[in-house]
N, C-alpha and C. Protein backbone atom coordinates (compact mmCIF):
# COMPACT_ATOMS: atom_id res chain seq x y z
N UNK A 1 0.82 -1.25 0.00
CA UNK A 1 -0.08 -0.01 -0.01
C UNK A 1 0.97 1.19 -0.06
N UNK A 2 0.30 2.34 -0.54
CA UNK A 2 0.97 3.57 -0.68
C UNK A 2 0.79 4.33 0.62
N UNK A 3 1.82 4.99 1.22
CA UNK A 3 1.79 5.72 2.48
C UNK A 3 0.79 6.99 2.17
N UNK A 4 -0.28 7.20 2.84
CA UNK A 4 -1.14 8.30 2.66
C UNK A 4 -0.64 9.63 3.20
N UNK A 5 0.36 9.54 4.04
CA UNK A 5 1.09 10.74 4.74
C UNK A 5 2.32 11.15 3.93
N UNK A 6 2.61 10.57 2.90
CA UNK A 6 3.70 10.86 2.21
C UNK A 6 3.53 12.22 1.44
N UNK A 7 4.54 13.03 1.31
CA UNK A 7 4.46 14.40 0.60
C UNK A 7 4.23 14.22 -0.84
N UNK A 8 3.33 15.10 -1.42
CA UNK A 8 3.10 14.99 -2.88
C UNK A 8 4.33 15.14 -3.76
N UNK A 9 4.37 14.52 -4.85
CA UNK A 9 5.61 14.53 -5.67
C UNK A 9 5.42 15.42 -6.92
N UNK A 10 4.14 15.95 -7.05
CA UNK A 10 3.90 16.83 -8.23
C UNK A 10 4.49 18.15 -8.03
N UNK A 11 4.90 18.83 -9.15
CA UNK A 11 5.73 20.00 -9.12
C UNK A 11 4.63 21.15 -8.70
N UNK A 12 5.09 22.06 -7.80
CA UNK A 12 4.31 23.04 -7.23
C UNK A 12 4.01 24.22 -8.11
N UNK A 13 4.70 24.37 -9.23
CA UNK A 13 4.57 25.41 -10.06
C UNK A 13 4.59 24.99 -11.57
N UNK A 14 4.14 26.02 -12.44
CA UNK A 14 4.05 25.48 -13.91
C UNK A 14 5.60 25.52 -14.42
N UNK A 15 5.87 24.48 -15.19
CA UNK A 15 7.17 24.39 -15.84
C UNK A 15 7.21 25.39 -16.89
N UNK A 16 8.45 26.01 -17.12
CA UNK A 16 8.54 27.14 -18.19
C UNK A 16 8.25 26.45 -19.50
N UNK A 17 7.84 27.19 -20.45
CA UNK A 17 7.58 26.61 -21.76
C UNK A 17 8.77 26.06 -22.40
N UNK A 18 8.67 24.90 -23.17
CA UNK A 18 9.86 24.40 -23.75
C UNK A 18 10.27 25.26 -24.97
N UNK A 19 11.47 25.37 -25.29
CA UNK A 19 12.01 26.21 -26.31
C UNK A 19 11.36 25.63 -27.68
N UNK A 20 11.25 26.58 -28.54
CA UNK A 20 10.72 26.17 -30.00
C UNK A 20 11.96 26.15 -30.84
N UNK A 21 11.88 25.66 -32.06
CA UNK A 21 12.74 25.58 -32.98
C UNK A 21 13.19 27.02 -33.51
N UNK A 22 14.40 27.16 -33.86
CA UNK A 22 14.91 28.42 -34.37
C UNK A 22 14.17 28.92 -35.65
N UNK A 23 13.72 27.85 -36.58
CA UNK A 23 13.03 28.32 -37.77
C UNK A 23 11.64 28.84 -37.44
N UNK A 24 10.93 28.24 -36.43
CA UNK A 24 9.66 28.55 -36.07
C UNK A 24 9.70 30.10 -35.38
N UNK A 25 10.76 30.35 -34.44
CA UNK A 25 10.87 31.62 -33.89
C UNK A 25 11.18 32.72 -35.04
N UNK A 26 12.06 32.26 -36.01
CA UNK A 26 12.33 33.38 -37.04
C UNK A 26 11.09 33.61 -37.90
N UNK A 27 10.41 32.57 -38.17
CA UNK A 27 9.11 32.76 -39.04
C UNK A 27 8.02 33.64 -38.24
N UNK A 28 7.89 33.45 -37.05
CA UNK A 28 7.13 34.21 -36.14
C UNK A 28 7.57 35.58 -36.15
N UNK A 29 8.79 35.96 -35.90
CA UNK A 29 9.30 37.22 -36.02
C UNK A 29 9.13 37.83 -37.38
N UNK A 30 9.31 37.16 -38.43
CA UNK A 30 9.11 37.79 -39.74
C UNK A 30 7.70 38.06 -40.02
N UNK A 31 6.75 37.20 -39.58
CA UNK A 31 5.36 37.46 -39.65
C UNK A 31 4.94 38.73 -38.90
N UNK A 32 5.59 39.00 -37.79
CA UNK A 32 5.35 40.23 -36.96
C UNK A 32 5.84 41.46 -37.68
N UNK A 33 7.04 41.23 -38.15
CA UNK A 33 7.86 42.47 -38.75
C UNK A 33 7.24 42.88 -40.26
N UNK A 34 7.35 41.86 -40.96
CA UNK A 34 7.03 42.12 -42.38
C UNK A 34 5.32 42.26 -42.31
N UNK A 35 4.67 41.33 -41.86
CA UNK A 35 3.19 41.22 -41.87
C UNK A 35 2.59 42.47 -41.12
N UNK A 36 3.14 42.84 -39.95
CA UNK A 36 2.81 43.91 -39.24
C UNK A 36 3.05 45.27 -39.95
N UNK A 37 4.08 45.38 -40.48
CA UNK A 37 4.54 46.57 -41.24
C UNK A 37 3.65 46.65 -42.47
N UNK A 38 3.34 45.55 -43.17
CA UNK A 38 2.45 45.63 -44.22
C UNK A 38 0.98 46.19 -43.96
N UNK A 39 0.54 45.45 -42.99
CA UNK A 39 -0.82 45.77 -42.50
C UNK A 39 -0.91 47.34 -42.02
N UNK A 40 0.21 47.87 -41.35
CA UNK A 40 0.23 49.15 -40.86
C UNK A 40 0.44 50.10 -42.14
N UNK A 41 1.18 49.66 -43.11
CA UNK A 41 1.32 50.53 -44.39
C UNK A 41 -0.04 50.75 -44.96
N UNK A 42 -0.80 49.62 -45.18
CA UNK A 42 -2.00 49.69 -45.68
C UNK A 42 -3.09 50.60 -45.10
N UNK A 43 -3.11 50.32 -43.80
CA UNK A 43 -4.11 51.13 -42.83
C UNK A 43 -3.72 52.57 -42.89
N UNK A 44 -2.43 52.90 -42.79
CA UNK A 44 -2.05 54.19 -42.98
C UNK A 44 -2.25 54.90 -44.09
N UNK A 45 -2.07 54.26 -45.19
CA UNK A 45 -2.27 54.62 -46.53
C UNK A 45 -3.73 54.97 -46.75
N UNK A 46 -4.66 54.13 -46.35
CA UNK A 46 -6.06 54.32 -46.40
C UNK A 46 -6.48 55.56 -45.55
N UNK A 47 -5.97 55.68 -44.43
CA UNK A 47 -6.30 56.91 -43.56
C UNK A 47 -5.81 58.21 -44.19
N UNK A 48 -4.64 58.09 -44.83
CA UNK A 48 -3.95 59.34 -45.29
C UNK A 48 -4.74 59.67 -46.68
N UNK A 49 -5.18 58.68 -47.43
CA UNK A 49 -5.88 58.93 -48.56
C UNK A 49 -7.32 59.58 -48.33
N UNK A 50 -7.86 59.06 -47.15
CA UNK A 50 -9.21 59.77 -46.80
C UNK A 50 -8.90 61.11 -46.35
N UNK A 51 -7.89 61.39 -45.66
CA UNK A 51 -7.57 62.79 -45.21
C UNK A 51 -7.42 63.66 -46.45
N UNK A 52 -6.63 63.17 -47.45
CA UNK A 52 -6.30 64.03 -48.70
C UNK A 52 -7.66 64.21 -49.33
N UNK A 53 -8.50 63.22 -49.51
CA UNK A 53 -9.79 63.29 -50.12
C UNK A 53 -10.57 64.26 -49.42
N UNK A 54 -10.64 64.35 -48.14
CA UNK A 54 -11.62 65.42 -47.55
C UNK A 54 -10.96 66.87 -47.69
N UNK A 55 -9.68 67.00 -48.11
CA UNK A 55 -9.20 68.16 -48.35
C UNK A 55 -9.39 68.66 -49.73
N UNK A 56 -10.21 67.86 -50.49
CA UNK A 56 -10.46 68.23 -51.82
C UNK A 56 -9.52 67.84 -52.96
N UNK A 57 -8.66 66.82 -52.78
CA UNK A 57 -7.69 66.44 -53.77
C UNK A 57 -8.38 65.49 -54.74
N UNK A 58 -7.90 65.31 -55.90
CA UNK A 58 -8.60 64.38 -56.90
C UNK A 58 -7.92 63.06 -56.67
N UNK A 59 -8.52 62.02 -57.11
CA UNK A 59 -7.86 60.62 -57.01
C UNK A 59 -6.45 60.61 -57.64
N UNK A 60 -6.21 61.32 -58.75
CA UNK A 60 -4.89 61.36 -59.35
C UNK A 60 -3.84 62.05 -58.61
N UNK A 61 -4.35 63.28 -57.80
CA UNK A 61 -3.38 63.83 -56.95
C UNK A 61 -3.02 63.01 -55.67
N UNK A 62 -4.07 62.17 -55.30
CA UNK A 62 -3.90 61.42 -54.05
C UNK A 62 -2.90 60.36 -54.28
N UNK A 63 -3.03 59.64 -55.58
CA UNK A 63 -2.17 58.55 -55.93
C UNK A 63 -0.68 59.21 -56.25
N UNK A 64 -0.53 60.24 -56.76
CA UNK A 64 0.80 60.90 -56.93
C UNK A 64 1.37 61.10 -55.55
N UNK A 65 0.62 61.71 -54.43
CA UNK A 65 1.18 61.93 -53.30
C UNK A 65 1.61 60.80 -52.50
N UNK A 66 0.71 59.66 -52.68
CA UNK A 66 1.10 58.20 -51.85
C UNK A 66 2.19 57.60 -52.59
N UNK A 67 2.52 57.76 -53.93
CA UNK A 67 3.53 56.93 -54.50
C UNK A 67 4.78 57.66 -54.29
N UNK A 68 4.95 58.92 -53.88
CA UNK A 68 6.30 59.45 -53.52
C UNK A 68 6.18 59.95 -52.15
N UNK A 69 6.73 59.11 -51.21
CA UNK A 69 6.64 59.61 -49.81
C UNK A 69 7.76 60.68 -49.57
N UNK A 70 7.31 61.52 -48.77
CA UNK A 70 8.15 62.85 -48.24
C UNK A 70 8.66 62.50 -46.86
N UNK A 71 9.97 62.24 -46.85
CA UNK A 71 10.56 61.84 -45.54
C UNK A 71 10.44 62.92 -44.45
N UNK A 72 10.12 64.09 -44.88
CA UNK A 72 9.99 65.21 -43.73
C UNK A 72 8.49 65.26 -43.26
N UNK A 73 7.55 64.44 -44.04
CA UNK A 73 6.15 64.66 -43.40
C UNK A 73 5.88 63.83 -42.22
N UNK A 74 4.93 64.36 -41.52
CA UNK A 74 4.52 63.58 -40.21
C UNK A 74 3.98 62.26 -40.64
N UNK A 75 3.38 61.96 -41.77
CA UNK A 75 2.89 60.70 -42.18
C UNK A 75 4.07 59.77 -42.22
N UNK A 76 5.13 60.12 -42.89
CA UNK A 76 6.38 59.31 -43.04
C UNK A 76 7.02 58.98 -41.64
N UNK A 77 7.06 60.03 -40.88
CA UNK A 77 7.77 59.83 -39.61
C UNK A 77 6.87 58.90 -38.72
N UNK A 78 5.57 59.07 -38.58
CA UNK A 78 4.72 58.20 -37.67
C UNK A 78 4.79 56.77 -38.14
N UNK A 79 4.72 56.68 -39.59
CA UNK A 79 4.74 55.38 -40.20
C UNK A 79 6.17 54.61 -39.92
N UNK A 80 7.24 55.30 -39.92
CA UNK A 80 8.47 54.73 -39.72
C UNK A 80 8.63 54.37 -38.24
N UNK A 81 8.19 55.24 -37.30
CA UNK A 81 8.29 54.87 -35.90
C UNK A 81 7.40 53.74 -35.60
N UNK A 82 6.21 53.61 -36.05
CA UNK A 82 5.40 52.52 -35.81
C UNK A 82 6.02 51.21 -36.50
N UNK A 83 6.62 51.22 -37.67
CA UNK A 83 7.24 50.30 -38.24
C UNK A 83 8.44 49.61 -37.33
N UNK A 84 9.25 50.55 -36.75
CA UNK A 84 10.37 50.24 -35.88
C UNK A 84 9.84 49.53 -34.67
N UNK A 85 8.67 49.99 -34.19
CA UNK A 85 8.07 49.25 -33.08
C UNK A 85 7.77 47.73 -33.40
N UNK A 86 7.31 47.55 -34.57
CA UNK A 86 6.86 46.23 -35.02
C UNK A 86 8.27 45.44 -35.13
N UNK A 87 9.39 46.12 -35.45
CA UNK A 87 10.70 45.32 -35.62
C UNK A 87 11.13 44.99 -34.30
N UNK A 88 11.13 45.83 -33.34
CA UNK A 88 11.33 45.56 -31.85
C UNK A 88 10.55 44.42 -31.40
N UNK A 89 9.35 44.51 -31.47
CA UNK A 89 8.41 43.44 -31.12
C UNK A 89 8.76 42.06 -31.75
N UNK A 90 9.05 42.13 -33.10
CA UNK A 90 9.44 40.83 -33.72
C UNK A 90 10.73 40.21 -33.00
N UNK A 91 11.72 41.02 -32.79
CA UNK A 91 12.90 40.47 -32.17
C UNK A 91 12.66 39.90 -30.78
N UNK A 92 11.69 40.50 -30.04
CA UNK A 92 11.31 40.15 -28.55
C UNK A 92 10.65 38.80 -28.76
N UNK A 93 9.61 38.57 -29.62
CA UNK A 93 8.85 37.52 -29.64
C UNK A 93 9.82 36.43 -30.16
N UNK A 94 10.75 36.62 -31.10
CA UNK A 94 11.58 35.53 -31.57
C UNK A 94 12.52 35.00 -30.46
N UNK A 95 13.11 36.03 -29.56
CA UNK A 95 13.88 35.56 -28.53
C UNK A 95 13.12 34.91 -27.44
N UNK A 96 11.93 35.32 -27.06
CA UNK A 96 11.08 34.57 -26.18
C UNK A 96 10.74 33.11 -26.50
N UNK A 97 10.47 33.10 -28.01
CA UNK A 97 10.09 31.73 -28.37
C UNK A 97 11.25 30.63 -28.35
N UNK A 98 12.37 31.22 -28.81
CA UNK A 98 13.57 30.30 -28.87
C UNK A 98 14.06 29.87 -27.68
N UNK A 99 14.05 30.63 -26.54
CA UNK A 99 14.56 30.38 -25.21
C UNK A 99 15.87 29.75 -25.04
N UNK A 100 16.83 30.25 -25.86
CA UNK A 100 18.21 29.87 -25.86
C UNK A 100 18.79 30.17 -27.15
N UNK A 101 20.05 30.53 -27.15
CA UNK A 101 20.70 30.91 -28.55
C UNK A 101 20.04 32.31 -29.06
N UNK A 102 19.46 33.07 -28.15
CA UNK A 102 18.54 34.18 -28.49
C UNK A 102 19.21 35.20 -29.47
N UNK A 103 20.63 35.44 -29.12
CA UNK A 103 21.32 36.46 -29.89
C UNK A 103 21.60 36.00 -31.35
N UNK A 104 21.82 34.69 -31.46
CA UNK A 104 22.11 34.17 -32.68
C UNK A 104 20.90 34.16 -33.56
N UNK A 105 19.71 33.57 -33.06
CA UNK A 105 18.66 33.42 -33.79
C UNK A 105 17.91 34.82 -34.13
N UNK A 106 18.09 35.77 -33.21
CA UNK A 106 17.61 37.23 -33.41
C UNK A 106 18.49 37.79 -34.60
N UNK A 107 19.81 37.59 -34.64
CA UNK A 107 20.58 38.10 -35.71
C UNK A 107 20.25 37.48 -36.98
N UNK A 108 19.82 36.21 -37.07
CA UNK A 108 19.32 35.71 -38.18
C UNK A 108 18.10 36.31 -38.81
N UNK A 109 17.03 36.50 -37.79
CA UNK A 109 15.89 37.22 -38.03
C UNK A 109 16.23 38.76 -38.65
N UNK A 110 17.17 39.34 -38.06
CA UNK A 110 17.41 40.77 -38.49
C UNK A 110 18.12 40.76 -39.79
N UNK A 111 18.94 39.69 -40.17
CA UNK A 111 19.55 39.76 -41.45
C UNK A 111 18.43 39.50 -42.45
N UNK A 112 17.58 38.57 -42.33
CA UNK A 112 16.53 38.18 -43.31
C UNK A 112 15.72 39.42 -43.39
N UNK A 113 15.27 40.05 -42.42
CA UNK A 113 14.39 41.20 -42.32
C UNK A 113 15.09 42.38 -43.12
N UNK A 114 16.34 42.58 -42.91
CA UNK A 114 17.22 43.55 -43.67
C UNK A 114 17.19 43.35 -45.21
N UNK A 115 17.44 42.05 -45.46
CA UNK A 115 17.45 41.79 -46.94
C UNK A 115 16.00 42.02 -47.51
N UNK A 116 15.05 41.69 -46.90
CA UNK A 116 13.68 41.99 -47.44
C UNK A 116 13.43 43.53 -47.50
N UNK A 117 13.87 44.25 -46.56
CA UNK A 117 13.80 45.74 -46.46
C UNK A 117 14.48 46.25 -47.68
N UNK A 118 15.72 45.75 -47.95
CA UNK A 118 16.43 46.28 -48.99
C UNK A 118 15.81 46.03 -50.31
N UNK A 119 15.34 44.88 -50.45
CA UNK A 119 14.76 44.35 -51.81
C UNK A 119 13.53 45.26 -52.08
N UNK A 120 12.78 45.48 -51.01
CA UNK A 120 11.56 46.33 -51.29
C UNK A 120 11.84 47.69 -51.72
N UNK A 121 12.92 48.37 -51.05
CA UNK A 121 13.21 49.82 -51.22
C UNK A 121 13.95 49.89 -52.68
N UNK A 122 14.66 48.81 -53.12
CA UNK A 122 15.40 48.88 -54.29
C UNK A 122 14.21 49.06 -55.43
N UNK A 123 13.23 48.24 -55.23
CA UNK A 123 12.30 48.12 -56.21
C UNK A 123 11.28 49.42 -56.29
N UNK A 124 11.43 50.31 -55.31
CA UNK A 124 10.56 51.36 -55.25
C UNK A 124 11.46 52.63 -55.55
N UNK A 125 10.83 53.73 -55.97
CA UNK A 125 11.57 55.05 -56.16
C UNK A 125 11.83 55.70 -54.89
N UNK A 126 12.90 55.27 -54.20
CA UNK A 126 13.12 55.78 -52.83
C UNK A 126 14.53 56.09 -52.80
N UNK A 127 14.91 57.13 -51.97
CA UNK A 127 16.30 57.59 -51.86
C UNK A 127 17.01 56.44 -51.09
N UNK A 128 18.18 55.95 -51.94
CA UNK A 128 18.93 54.79 -51.60
C UNK A 128 19.74 55.04 -50.07
N UNK A 129 20.17 56.21 -49.92
CA UNK A 129 20.90 56.60 -48.61
C UNK A 129 19.90 56.48 -47.43
N UNK A 130 18.70 57.06 -47.53
CA UNK A 130 17.78 57.05 -46.58
C UNK A 130 17.28 55.57 -46.31
N UNK A 131 17.16 54.76 -47.38
CA UNK A 131 16.78 53.33 -47.33
C UNK A 131 17.68 52.62 -46.47
N UNK A 132 19.01 52.77 -46.68
CA UNK A 132 20.13 52.08 -46.02
C UNK A 132 20.25 52.46 -44.61
N UNK A 133 19.97 53.85 -44.24
CA UNK A 133 20.04 54.24 -43.02
C UNK A 133 18.76 53.63 -42.09
N UNK A 134 17.58 53.53 -42.76
CA UNK A 134 16.44 52.95 -42.12
C UNK A 134 16.60 51.63 -41.88
N UNK A 135 17.32 50.90 -42.75
CA UNK A 135 17.37 49.42 -42.72
C UNK A 135 18.45 49.24 -41.36
N UNK A 136 19.48 49.91 -41.31
CA UNK A 136 20.40 49.81 -40.12
C UNK A 136 19.58 50.09 -38.88
N UNK A 137 18.76 51.08 -38.90
CA UNK A 137 18.03 51.45 -37.61
C UNK A 137 16.96 50.20 -37.27
N UNK A 138 16.30 49.57 -38.34
CA UNK A 138 15.56 48.55 -38.25
C UNK A 138 16.18 47.22 -37.78
N UNK A 139 17.38 47.08 -38.11
CA UNK A 139 18.20 45.97 -37.75
C UNK A 139 18.55 46.13 -36.24
N UNK A 140 18.93 47.42 -35.87
CA UNK A 140 19.21 47.69 -34.44
C UNK A 140 17.93 47.34 -33.50
N UNK A 141 16.73 47.84 -34.10
CA UNK A 141 15.57 47.57 -33.34
C UNK A 141 15.26 46.09 -33.15
N UNK A 142 15.41 45.32 -34.16
CA UNK A 142 15.26 43.85 -34.06
C UNK A 142 16.18 43.27 -32.99
N UNK A 143 17.35 43.64 -33.04
CA UNK A 143 18.43 43.08 -32.13
C UNK A 143 18.07 43.72 -30.69
N UNK A 144 17.60 44.90 -30.56
CA UNK A 144 17.21 45.45 -29.32
C UNK A 144 15.93 44.72 -28.60
N UNK A 145 15.09 44.22 -29.51
CA UNK A 145 13.97 43.46 -28.98
C UNK A 145 14.27 42.02 -28.64
N UNK A 146 15.42 41.45 -29.39
CA UNK A 146 15.88 40.23 -29.14
C UNK A 146 16.66 40.19 -27.71
N UNK A 147 17.32 41.38 -27.49
CA UNK A 147 18.08 41.48 -26.22
C UNK A 147 17.02 41.66 -25.15
N UNK A 148 15.91 42.41 -25.26
CA UNK A 148 14.89 42.41 -24.25
C UNK A 148 14.29 41.11 -23.89
N UNK A 149 14.00 40.29 -24.92
CA UNK A 149 13.49 39.02 -24.91
C UNK A 149 14.43 38.01 -24.16
N UNK A 150 15.81 38.18 -24.55
CA UNK A 150 16.85 37.36 -23.80
C UNK A 150 16.88 37.68 -22.28
N UNK A 151 16.69 38.86 -21.92
CA UNK A 151 16.82 39.31 -20.50
C UNK A 151 15.47 38.88 -19.73
N UNK A 152 14.46 38.79 -20.57
CA UNK A 152 13.28 38.39 -19.91
C UNK A 152 13.21 36.80 -19.80
N UNK A 153 13.81 36.18 -20.70
CA UNK A 153 14.10 34.77 -20.44
C UNK A 153 15.01 34.43 -19.17
N UNK A 154 16.07 35.20 -19.11
CA UNK A 154 17.00 35.01 -18.09
C UNK A 154 16.46 35.39 -16.62
N UNK A 155 15.52 36.39 -16.59
CA UNK A 155 14.83 36.72 -15.39
C UNK A 155 13.80 35.58 -15.07
N UNK A 156 13.23 34.95 -15.89
CA UNK A 156 12.24 33.99 -15.73
C UNK A 156 12.95 32.77 -15.22
N UNK A 157 14.18 32.57 -15.64
CA UNK A 157 14.99 31.39 -15.20
C UNK A 157 15.44 31.54 -13.92
N UNK A 158 15.83 32.80 -13.52
CA UNK A 158 16.35 33.02 -12.14
C UNK A 158 15.29 32.90 -11.10
N UNK A 159 13.95 33.20 -11.38
CA UNK A 159 12.94 33.09 -10.62
C UNK A 159 12.40 31.70 -10.28
N UNK A 160 12.67 30.89 -11.41
CA UNK A 160 12.32 29.39 -11.24
C UNK A 160 12.74 28.69 -10.01
N UNK A 161 14.10 28.60 -9.62
CA UNK A 161 14.48 27.98 -8.40
C UNK A 161 13.95 28.57 -7.29
N UNK A 162 13.74 29.84 -7.15
CA UNK A 162 13.14 30.44 -5.88
C UNK A 162 11.68 30.02 -5.68
N UNK A 163 10.93 29.80 -6.83
CA UNK A 163 9.54 29.43 -6.56
C UNK A 163 9.53 27.98 -6.35
N UNK A 164 10.50 27.17 -6.72
CA UNK A 164 10.43 25.75 -6.41
C UNK A 164 10.74 25.50 -4.86
N UNK A 165 11.58 26.36 -4.30
CA UNK A 165 11.95 26.15 -3.01
C UNK A 165 10.93 26.55 -1.91
N UNK A 166 9.98 27.43 -2.38
CA UNK A 166 8.79 27.90 -1.56
C UNK A 166 7.82 26.76 -1.37
């Protein structure tokens, strides 16, 4: 018979989530960075087109304004800042998912994202110097998000032994 007074052997806390493969983490990061940026661009373009239409512009004038972004406009600056937020979030999610080798996997995500960003800007009529500068900043944001995710993973692992002792 089993001793009814024996201490339970079940873990007292939830186990941390197991690490996911690097490929899945990179794909999730790309979905956030590229997908989020694309959806943001579509929504922002629609809002900006409606704003221009209410100012009395013709559809041809609106199309011309949207096809040539002005880097000094608030529309461009807000879109860039929100896009960089998506880049930071993508690095964070990638690092949190992989739960090990965070810097290496986030660097892979940043490199793939930079190649896609350069490919997109080369196909559009965009200032090459500005495109390269934005790509460098985007890469830094992805790496920043990855570092934040790595630190969050490390903090979670430091708390795990303390909660097991309680």
